[in-house]
């Protein structure tokens, strides 16, 4: 069974920029409502395959996309 993670953001514009950058880099991401167990300034999060966590983090850092946290779902 696939494990997923979510990236939390401060703003909707950051989520949209991150989605664009990650898809351009070939990663499968999906916009989802921010899970209730995680606090966030923005109600939208990006879901991704947890085994790609380091690569997703690197793409966001390189693109200078501001995010608040990365969490594993169902952990």
Protein backbone atom coordinates (compact mmCIF):
# COMPACT_ATOMS: atom_id res chain seq x y z
CA UNK A 1 0.00 0.00 0.00
CA UNK A 2 1.36 3.41 -0.97
CA UNK A 3 2.24 5.85 1.77
CA UNK A 4 1.52 9.51 1.16
CA UNK A 5 2.77 12.76 2.55
CA UNK A 6 1.43 16.29 2.44
CA UNK A 7 3.12 19.63 2.10
CA UNK A 8 1.45 22.45 4.04
CA UNK A 9 1.61 26.05 2.88
CA UNK A 10 1.00 29.56 4.18
CA UNK A 11 -0.79 30.79 1.04
CA UNK A 12 -2.85 29.46 -1.84
CA UNK A 13 -0.48 31.07 -4.34
CA UNK A 14 2.41 29.06 -2.88
CA UNK A 15 0.41 25.83 -3.25
CA UNK A 16 -0.31 26.59 -6.90
CA UNK A 17 3.31 27.46 -7.62
CA UNK A 18 4.52 24.29 -5.86
CA UNK A 19 2.07 22.13 -7.80
CA UNK A 20 3.29 23.60 -11.07
CA UNK A 21 6.97 23.15 -10.20
CA UNK A 22 6.55 19.56 -8.97
CA UNK A 23 4.46 18.47 -11.96
CA UNK A 24 7.01 20.09 -14.28
CA UNK A 25 9.69 18.03 -12.51
CA UNK A 26 7.69 14.85 -13.14
CA UNK A 27 6.23 14.20 -9.68
CA UNK A 28 2.69 12.95 -9.15
CA UNK A 29 1.05 15.44 -6.80
CA UNK A 30 -2.57 16.16 -5.95
CA UNK A 31 -4.25 19.16 -4.36
CA UNK A 32 -6.16 18.05 -1.25
CA UNK A 33 -7.85 19.79 1.69
CA UNK A 34 -5.41 20.22 4.56
CA UNK A 35 -5.92 17.22 6.86
CA UNK A 36 -7.57 18.13 10.17
CA UNK A 37 -4.72 16.72 12.24
CA UNK A 38 -2.36 19.33 10.80
CA UNK A 39 -2.62 23.05 11.41
CA UNK A 40 -2.05 25.33 8.46
CA UNK A 41 -2.67 28.90 7.37
CA UNK A 42 -3.95 27.60 4.04
CA UNK A 43 -6.78 25.11 3.61
CA UNK A 44 -5.14 23.39 0.63
CA UNK A 45 -2.20 20.97 0.78
CA UNK A 46 -0.25 18.96 -1.79
CA UNK A 47 -0.28 15.17 -1.49
CA UNK A 48 2.66 13.18 -2.85
CA UNK A 49 4.22 9.71 -2.62
CA UNK A 50 6.07 9.61 0.71
CA UNK A 51 9.05 7.78 -0.77
CA UNK A 52 9.70 10.95 -2.83
CA UNK A 53 9.87 13.18 0.27
CA UNK A 54 13.51 14.22 -0.12
CA UNK A 55 13.12 14.99 -3.82
CA UNK A 56 9.90 16.99 -3.26
CA UNK A 57 11.63 18.99 -0.52
CA UNK A 58 14.61 19.66 -2.78
CA UNK A 59 12.43 20.88 -5.68
CA UNK A 60 10.54 23.28 -3.39
CA UNK A 61 13.75 24.59 -1.83
CA UNK A 62 15.42 25.08 -5.22
CA UNK A 63 12.35 26.91 -6.57
CA UNK A 64 12.21 29.00 -3.37
CA UNK A 65 8.58 28.03 -2.75
CA UNK A 66 7.70 28.87 0.86
CA UNK A 67 5.97 26.05 2.74
CA UNK A 68 5.25 25.50 6.41
CA UNK A 69 5.78 21.74 6.86
CA UNK A 70 5.92 18.29 5.32
CA UNK A 71 4.07 15.47 7.11
CA UNK A 72 3.48 11.77 6.50
CA UNK A 73 -0.17 10.77 6.29
CA UNK A 74 -1.42 7.90 8.41
CA UNK A 75 1.82 7.58 10.33
